[in-house]
């Protein structure tokens, strides 16, 4: 696994997610907003976090209202995005992120649903959380990821 890759496949992002799952997980606060025919999902991601998003089923706007992050996708490769920034995501895109500065990211979805479970079923393409990899494979990916990130960021250790 190469991190960060300038040319990224969906498989690379999935492997990155599986590798990250082997480390302590960070809670990123989410706020939900509803108006007639519209659902907004706002997430706060703290500086220094690695985040992998869910696989979205729909085309939708994304808004970064504050912050600075690097985003890797199979469609766009690697981009560094600084607020304010707005763009449209295509369906079937999974994003891997590194958060350079505290970031607030909002996705906007056309729907009349307000139940979060129903919204998840409508907007997200279900994927296995383990990516289909064995625990041994996931541990090996996590070790490789840790070593590559430590080298990339010139850290003595990575917790």
C-alpha atoms as a PDB file:
ATOM      1  CA  UNK A   1       0.000   0.000   0.000  1.00  0.00           C
ATOM      2  CA  UNK A   2       1.371   3.376  -0.940  1.00  0.00           C
ATOM      3  CA  UNK A   3       0.375   6.390   1.102  1.00  0.00           C
ATOM      4  CA  UNK A   4      -0.287   9.004  -0.003  1.00  0.00           C
ATOM      5  CA  UNK A   5      -0.826   7.963  -3.616  1.00  0.00           C
ATOM      6  CA  UNK A   6      -1.277  10.485  -6.392  1.00  0.00           C
ATOM      7  CA  UNK A   7      -3.182   7.839  -8.344  1.00  0.00           C
ATOM      8  CA  UNK A   8      -5.705   6.179  -6.074  1.00  0.00           C
ATOM      9  CA  UNK A   9      -8.088   3.301  -6.730  1.00  0.00           C
ATOM     10  CA  UNK A  10     -11.240   2.451  -4.775  1.00  0.00           C
ATOM     11  CA  UNK A  11      -9.348  -0.659  -3.615  1.00  0.00           C
ATOM     12  CA  UNK A  12      -6.535   1.525  -2.220  1.00  0.00           C
ATOM     13  CA  UNK A  13      -9.021   3.672  -0.281  1.00  0.00           C
ATOM     14  CA  UNK A  14     -10.705   0.509   1.058  1.00  0.00           C
ATOM     15  CA  UNK A  15      -7.334  -0.933   2.153  1.00  0.00           C
ATOM     16  CA  UNK A  16      -6.543   2.389   3.828  1.00  0.00           C
ATOM     17  CA  UNK A  17      -9.871   2.189   5.698  1.00  0.00           C
ATOM     18  CA  UNK A  18      -9.180  -1.395   6.812  1.00  0.00           C
ATOM     19  CA  UNK A  19      -5.687  -0.440   7.976  1.00  0.00           C
ATOM     20  CA  UNK A  20      -7.039   2.558   9.924  1.00  0.00           C
ATOM     21  CA  UNK A  21      -9.659   0.330  11.569  1.00  0.00           C
ATOM     22  CA  UNK A  22      -6.844  -1.431  13.440  1.00  0.00           C
ATOM     23  CA  UNK A  23      -5.969   1.782  15.319  1.00  0.00           C
ATOM     24  CA  UNK A  24      -7.869   3.635  18.032  1.00  0.00           C
ATOM     25  CA  UNK A  25     -10.938   5.272  16.489  1.00  0.00           C
ATOM     26  CA  UNK A  26     -11.681   8.966  16.753  1.00  0.00           C
ATOM     27  CA  UNK A  27     -15.191  10.311  17.218  1.00  0.00           C
ATOM     28  CA  UNK A  28     -15.993  13.170  14.849  1.00  0.00           C
ATOM     29  CA  UNK A  29     -19.118  15.088  15.895  1.00  0.00           C
ATOM     30  CA  UNK A  30     -21.899  15.110  13.297  1.00  0.00           C
ATOM     31  CA  UNK A  31     -24.836  17.532  13.082  1.00  0.00           C
ATOM     32  CA  UNK A  32     -27.921  16.932  10.958  1.00  0.00           C
ATOM     33  CA  UNK A  33     -30.056  19.655   9.364  1.00  0.00           C
ATOM     34  CA  UNK A  34     -33.387  19.161   7.602  1.00  0.00           C
ATOM     35  CA  UNK A  35     -35.550  21.426   5.477  1.00  0.00           C
ATOM     36  CA  UNK A  36     -38.249  20.619   2.965  1.00  0.00           C
ATOM     37  CA  UNK A  37     -36.628  18.260   0.460  1.00  0.00           C
ATOM     38  CA  UNK A  38     -33.085  18.748   1.767  1.00  0.00           C
ATOM     39  CA  UNK A  39     -30.783  17.006   4.258  1.00  0.00           C
ATOM     40  CA  UNK A  40     -27.402  18.416   5.295  1.00  0.00           C
ATOM     41  CA  UNK A  41     -24.853  16.374   7.197  1.00  0.00           C
ATOM     42  CA  UNK A  42     -22.104  18.399   8.861  1.00  0.00           C
ATOM     43  CA  UNK A  43     -19.031  16.719  10.344  1.00  0.00           C
ATOM     44  CA  UNK A  44     -16.234  18.249  12.408  1.00  0.00           C
ATOM     45  CA  UNK A  45     -12.827  16.599  11.901  1.00  0.00           C
ATOM     46  CA  UNK A  46      -9.916  17.660  14.121  1.00  0.00           C
ATOM     47  CA  UNK A  47      -6.415  18.535  12.977  1.00  0.00           C
ATOM     48  CA  UNK A  48      -4.193  15.482  12.569  1.00  0.00           C
ATOM     49  CA  UNK A  49      -7.029  13.005  11.943  1.00  0.00           C
ATOM     50  CA  UNK A  50      -7.159  10.408   9.182  1.00  0.00           C
ATOM     51  CA  UNK A  51     -10.732   9.802   8.013  1.00  0.00           C
ATOM     52  CA  UNK A  52     -12.321   7.529   5.412  1.00  0.00           C
ATOM     53  CA  UNK A  53     -15.835   8.340   4.294  1.00  0.00           C
ATOM     54  CA  UNK A  54     -18.625   6.018   3.325  1.00  0.00           C
ATOM     55  CA  UNK A  55     -19.339   5.040  -0.271  1.00  0.00           C
ATOM     56  CA  UNK A  56     -22.060   7.440  -1.445  1.00  0.00           C
ATOM     57  CA  UNK A  57     -24.796   6.293  -3.834  1.00  0.00           C
ATOM     58  CA  UNK A  58     -25.740   9.754  -5.083  1.00  0.00           C
ATOM     59  CA  UNK A  59     -24.298  12.829  -6.700  1.00  0.00           C
ATOM     60  CA  UNK A  60     -24.313  15.627  -4.114  1.00  0.00           C
ATOM     61  CA  UNK A  61     -22.678  18.939  -3.152  1.00  0.00           C
ATOM     62  CA  UNK A  62     -19.847  19.045  -0.604  1.00  0.00           C
ATOM     63  CA  UNK A  63     -18.955  22.200   1.293  1.00  0.00           C
ATOM     64  CA  UNK A  64     -15.839  22.762   3.354  1.00  0.00           C
ATOM     65  CA  UNK A  65     -16.741  25.854   5.364  1.00  0.00           C
ATOM     66  CA  UNK A  66     -13.558  25.945   7.423  1.00  0.00           C
ATOM     67  CA  UNK A  67     -10.349  23.981   7.523  1.00  0.00           C
ATOM     68  CA  UNK A  68      -7.693  22.381   5.368  1.00  0.00           C
ATOM     69  CA  UNK A  69      -7.500  18.736   4.313  1.00  0.00           C
ATOM     70  CA  UNK A  70      -5.976  16.407   1.750  1.00  0.00           C
ATOM     71  CA  UNK A  71      -8.513  14.247  -0.076  1.00  0.00           C
ATOM     72  CA  UNK A  72      -7.780  11.065  -2.041  1.00  0.00           C
ATOM     73  CA  UNK A  73     -10.350   9.541  -4.412  1.00  0.00           C
ATOM     74  CA  UNK A  74     -10.233   7.147  -7.357  1.00  0.00           C
ATOM     75  CA  UNK A  75     -11.775   9.840  -9.571  1.00  0.00           C
ATOM     76  CA  UNK A  76      -9.763  12.935  -8.598  1.00  0.00           C
ATOM     77  CA  UNK A  77      -6.547  11.435  -7.209  1.00  0.00           C
ATOM     78  CA  UNK A  78      -5.051  13.566  -4.452  1.00  0.00           C
ATOM     79  CA  UNK A  79      -6.157  17.146  -3.796  1.00  0.00           C
ATOM     80  CA  UNK A  80      -5.417  19.533  -0.973  1.00  0.00           C
ATOM     81  CA  UNK A  81      -8.545  21.538  -0.221  1.00  0.00           C
ATOM     82  CA  UNK A  82      -8.744  24.669   1.899  1.00  0.00           C
ATOM     83  CA  UNK A  83     -11.919  26.407   2.978  1.00  0.00           C
ATOM     84  CA  UNK A  84     -14.018  27.871   1.662  1.00  0.00           C
ATOM     85  CA  UNK A  85     -14.515  25.258  -1.050  1.00  0.00           C
ATOM     86  CA  UNK A  86     -17.607  23.725  -2.667  1.00  0.00           C
ATOM     87  CA  UNK A  87     -17.833  20.962  -5.282  1.00  0.00           C
ATOM     88  CA  UNK A  88     -20.033  18.117  -6.522  1.00  0.00           C
ATOM     89  CA  UNK A  89     -19.204  14.481  -5.689  1.00  0.00           C
ATOM     90  CA  UNK A  90     -20.151  11.779  -8.152  1.00  0.00           C
ATOM     91  CA  UNK A  91     -21.967   8.598  -7.082  1.00  0.00           C
ATOM     92  CA  UNK A  92     -19.772   5.680  -6.019  1.00  0.00           C
ATOM     93  CA  UNK A  93     -16.940   7.826  -4.662  1.00  0.00           C
ATOM     94  CA  UNK A  94     -15.174   6.902  -1.427  1.00  0.00           C
ATOM     95  CA  UNK A  95     -12.860   9.523   0.062  1.00  0.00           C
ATOM     96  CA  UNK A  96      -9.766   9.149   2.253  1.00  0.00           C
ATOM     97  CA  UNK A  97      -8.699  12.270   4.152  1.00  0.00           C
ATOM     98  CA  UNK A  98      -5.867  13.724   6.168  1.00  0.00           C
ATOM     99  CA  UNK A  99      -6.952  16.772   8.199  1.00  0.00           C
ATOM    100  CA  UNK A 100      -4.252  19.496   8.216  1.00  0.00           C
ATOM    101  CA  UNK A 101      -6.372  21.959  10.232  1.00  0.00           C
ATOM    102  CA  UNK A 102      -9.702  21.526  12.066  1.00  0.00           C
ATOM    103  CA  UNK A 103     -12.251  21.065   9.277  1.00  0.00           C
ATOM    104  CA  UNK A 104     -16.028  21.348   8.962  1.00  0.00           C
ATOM    105  CA  UNK A 105     -17.366  19.385   5.961  1.00  0.00           C
ATOM    106  CA  UNK A 106     -21.025  19.405   4.937  1.00  0.00           C
ATOM    107  CA  UNK A 107     -22.745  17.145   2.415  1.00  0.00           C
ATOM    108  CA  UNK A 108     -26.114  18.145   0.943  1.00  0.00           C
ATOM    109  CA  UNK A 109     -28.698  15.579  -0.173  1.00  0.00           C
ATOM    110  CA  UNK A 110     -32.049  15.974  -1.923  1.00  0.00           C
ATOM    111  CA  UNK A 111     -34.541  13.879   0.069  1.00  0.00           C
ATOM    112  CA  UNK A 112     -37.708  14.178   2.098  1.00  0.00           C
ATOM    113  CA  UNK A 113     -36.535  11.561   4.599  1.00  0.00           C
ATOM    114  CA  UNK A 114     -35.592  12.616   8.134  1.00  0.00           C
ATOM    115  CA  UNK A 115     -34.971   9.212   9.739  1.00  0.00           C
ATOM    116  CA  UNK A 116     -31.189   8.682   9.905  1.00  0.00           C
ATOM    117  CA  UNK A 117     -31.425   4.907   9.325  1.00  0.00           C
ATOM    118  CA  UNK A 118     -33.582   5.459   6.232  1.00  0.00           C
ATOM    119  CA  UNK A 119     -31.176   8.127   5.004  1.00  0.00           C
ATOM    120  CA  UNK A 120     -28.238   5.747   5.431  1.00  0.00           C
ATOM    121  CA  UNK A 121     -30.020   3.099   3.325  1.00  0.00           C
ATOM    122  CA  UNK A 122     -30.895   5.674   0.641  1.00  0.00           C
ATOM    123  CA  UNK A 123     -27.563   7.505   0.411  1.00  0.00           C
ATOM    124  CA  UNK A 124     -24.858   4.943   1.233  1.00  0.00           C
ATOM    125  CA  UNK A 125     -23.688   1.852  -0.639  1.00  0.00           C
ATOM    126  CA  UNK A 126     -23.169  -0.867   1.976  1.00  0.00           C
ATOM    127  CA  UNK A 127     -19.644  -2.311   2.182  1.00  0.00           C
ATOM    128  CA  UNK A 128     -18.116  -4.895   4.507  1.00  0.00           C
ATOM    129  CA  UNK A 129     -16.310  -3.086   7.328  1.00  0.00           C
ATOM    130  CA  UNK A 130     -13.372  -5.494   7.113  1.00  0.00           C
ATOM    131  CA  UNK A 131     -13.047  -5.068   3.339  1.00  0.00           C
ATOM    132  CA  UNK A 132     -13.045  -8.850   2.995  1.00  0.00           C
ATOM    133  CA  UNK A 133      -9.536  -9.050   4.451  1.00  0.00           C
ATOM    134  CA  UNK A 134      -8.493 -11.457   7.186  1.00  0.00           C
ATOM    135  CA  UNK A 135      -7.415 -10.020  10.585  1.00  0.00           C
ATOM    136  CA  UNK A 136      -3.806 -10.951   9.718  1.00  0.00           C
ATOM    137  CA  UNK A 137      -3.997  -9.076   6.406  1.00  0.00           C
ATOM    138  CA  UNK A 138      -5.562  -6.069   8.143  1.00  0.00           C
ATOM    139  CA  UNK A 139      -2.821  -6.076  10.798  1.00  0.00           C
ATOM    140  CA  UNK A 140      -0.140  -6.217   8.089  1.00  0.00           C
ATOM    141  CA  UNK A 141      -1.773  -3.298   6.236  1.00  0.00           C
ATOM    142  CA  UNK A 142      -1.952  -1.321   9.490  1.00  0.00           C
ATOM    143  CA  UNK A 143       1.754  -1.906  10.172  1.00  0.00           C
ATOM    144  CA  UNK A 144       2.672  -0.853   6.624  1.00  0.00           C
ATOM    145  CA  UNK A 145       0.441   2.203   6.912  1.00  0.00           C
ATOM    146  CA  UNK A 146       1.986   3.172  10.247  1.00  0.00           C
ATOM    147  CA  UNK A 147       5.513   2.871   8.838  1.00  0.00           C
ATOM    148  CA  UNK A 148       4.685   4.840   5.679  1.00  0.00           C
ATOM    149  CA  UNK A 149       2.864   7.620   7.538  1.00  0.00           C
ATOM    150  CA  UNK A 150       5.659   7.864  10.120  1.00  0.00           C
ATOM    151  CA  UNK A 151       8.173   8.222   7.287  1.00  0.00           C
ATOM    152  CA  UNK A 152       6.003  10.631   5.316  1.00  0.00           C
ATOM    153  CA  UNK A 153       5.367  12.895   8.312  1.00  0.00           C
ATOM    154  CA  UNK A 154       8.906  12.388   9.667  1.00  0.00           C
ATOM    155  CA  UNK A 155       7.642  11.161  13.043  1.00  0.00           C
ATOM    156  CA  UNK A 156       9.661   9.082  15.483  1.00  0.00           C
ATOM    157  CA  UNK A 157       6.567   7.073  16.350  1.00  0.00           C
ATOM    158  CA  UNK A 158       2.920   6.901  15.434  1.00  0.00           C
ATOM    159  CA  UNK A 159       0.393   6.104  18.153  1.00  0.00           C
END
